[in-house]
Protein backbone atom coordinates (compact mmCIF):
# COMPACT_ATOMS: atom_id res chain seq x y z
CA UNK A 1 63.98 -6.58 -34.26
CA UNK A 2 60.67 -7.69 -32.79
CA UNK A 3 57.91 -9.25 -34.85
CA UNK A 4 54.93 -7.12 -35.85
CA UNK A 5 52.63 -9.39 -33.85
CA UNK A 6 54.55 -8.70 -30.63
CA UNK A 7 54.55 -4.97 -31.26
CA UNK A 8 50.79 -4.98 -31.87
CA UNK A 9 50.24 -7.08 -28.74
CA UNK A 10 52.26 -4.72 -26.56
CA UNK A 11 50.57 -1.69 -28.13
CA UNK A 12 47.09 -3.02 -27.43
CA UNK A 13 48.15 -3.98 -23.91
CA UNK A 14 49.41 -0.44 -23.28
CA UNK A 15 46.15 1.03 -24.54
CA UNK A 16 43.89 -1.30 -22.57
CA UNK A 17 46.04 -0.97 -19.42
CA UNK A 18 45.61 2.81 -19.44
CA UNK A 19 42.10 3.34 -20.79
CA UNK A 20 38.80 1.74 -19.93
CA UNK A 21 37.28 -0.54 -22.56
CA UNK A 22 35.10 2.15 -24.16
CA UNK A 23 37.95 4.69 -24.36
CA UNK A 24 40.31 2.05 -25.76
CA UNK A 25 37.84 1.11 -28.48
CA UNK A 26 37.25 4.80 -29.28
CA UNK A 27 41.01 5.37 -29.50
CA UNK A 28 41.44 2.48 -31.93
CA UNK A 29 38.51 3.72 -34.03
CA UNK A 30 40.00 7.23 -34.11
CA UNK A 31 43.38 5.92 -35.25
CA UNK A 32 41.81 3.81 -37.98
CA UNK A 33 39.63 6.71 -39.16
CA UNK A 34 42.44 9.30 -39.14
CA UNK A 35 44.54 9.61 -42.28
CA UNK A 36 47.72 9.93 -40.22
CA UNK A 37 51.14 9.85 -41.86
CA UNK A 38 53.74 9.20 -39.17
CA UNK A 39 56.64 9.88 -41.54
CA UNK A 40 55.38 13.39 -42.34
CA UNK A 41 54.44 14.08 -38.72
CA UNK A 42 57.86 13.18 -37.34
CA UNK A 43 59.62 15.52 -39.79
CA UNK A 44 58.34 18.52 -37.81
CA UNK A 45 57.97 16.93 -34.39
CA UNK A 46 61.14 18.36 -32.89
CA UNK A 47 62.11 20.97 -35.47
CA UNK A 48 62.44 23.70 -32.81
CA UNK A 49 64.64 21.66 -30.45
CA UNK A 50 68.34 21.06 -30.53
CA UNK A 51 69.92 17.64 -30.12
CA UNK A 52 71.16 18.73 -26.68
CA UNK A 53 67.63 19.70 -25.59
CA UNK A 54 66.23 16.37 -26.77
CA UNK A 55 69.05 14.50 -25.04
CA UNK A 56 68.45 16.31 -21.75
CA UNK A 57 64.70 15.69 -21.90
CA UNK A 58 65.28 12.00 -22.62
CA UNK A 59 67.82 11.75 -19.80
CA UNK A 60 65.44 13.46 -17.35
CA UNK A 61 62.62 11.12 -18.38
CA UNK A 62 64.91 8.10 -17.96
CA UNK A 63 65.95 9.23 -14.49
CA UNK A 64 62.32 9.67 -13.39
CA UNK A 65 61.52 6.11 -14.53
CA UNK A 66 64.11 4.53 -12.21
């Protein structure tokens, strides 16, 4: 398991690699301001998809990344 510091570093890098500085700062401010509960959100994230559908989507995504 990776350390929290490394995860935060990679997360910030991903944000700043894909957004300009103003958008990145806005994104971080939005996340901090939002009362977001990941655990509750993920409970309904894929409730209308079967395991087979999720597997096929993940496999397709993986293939496109090669």
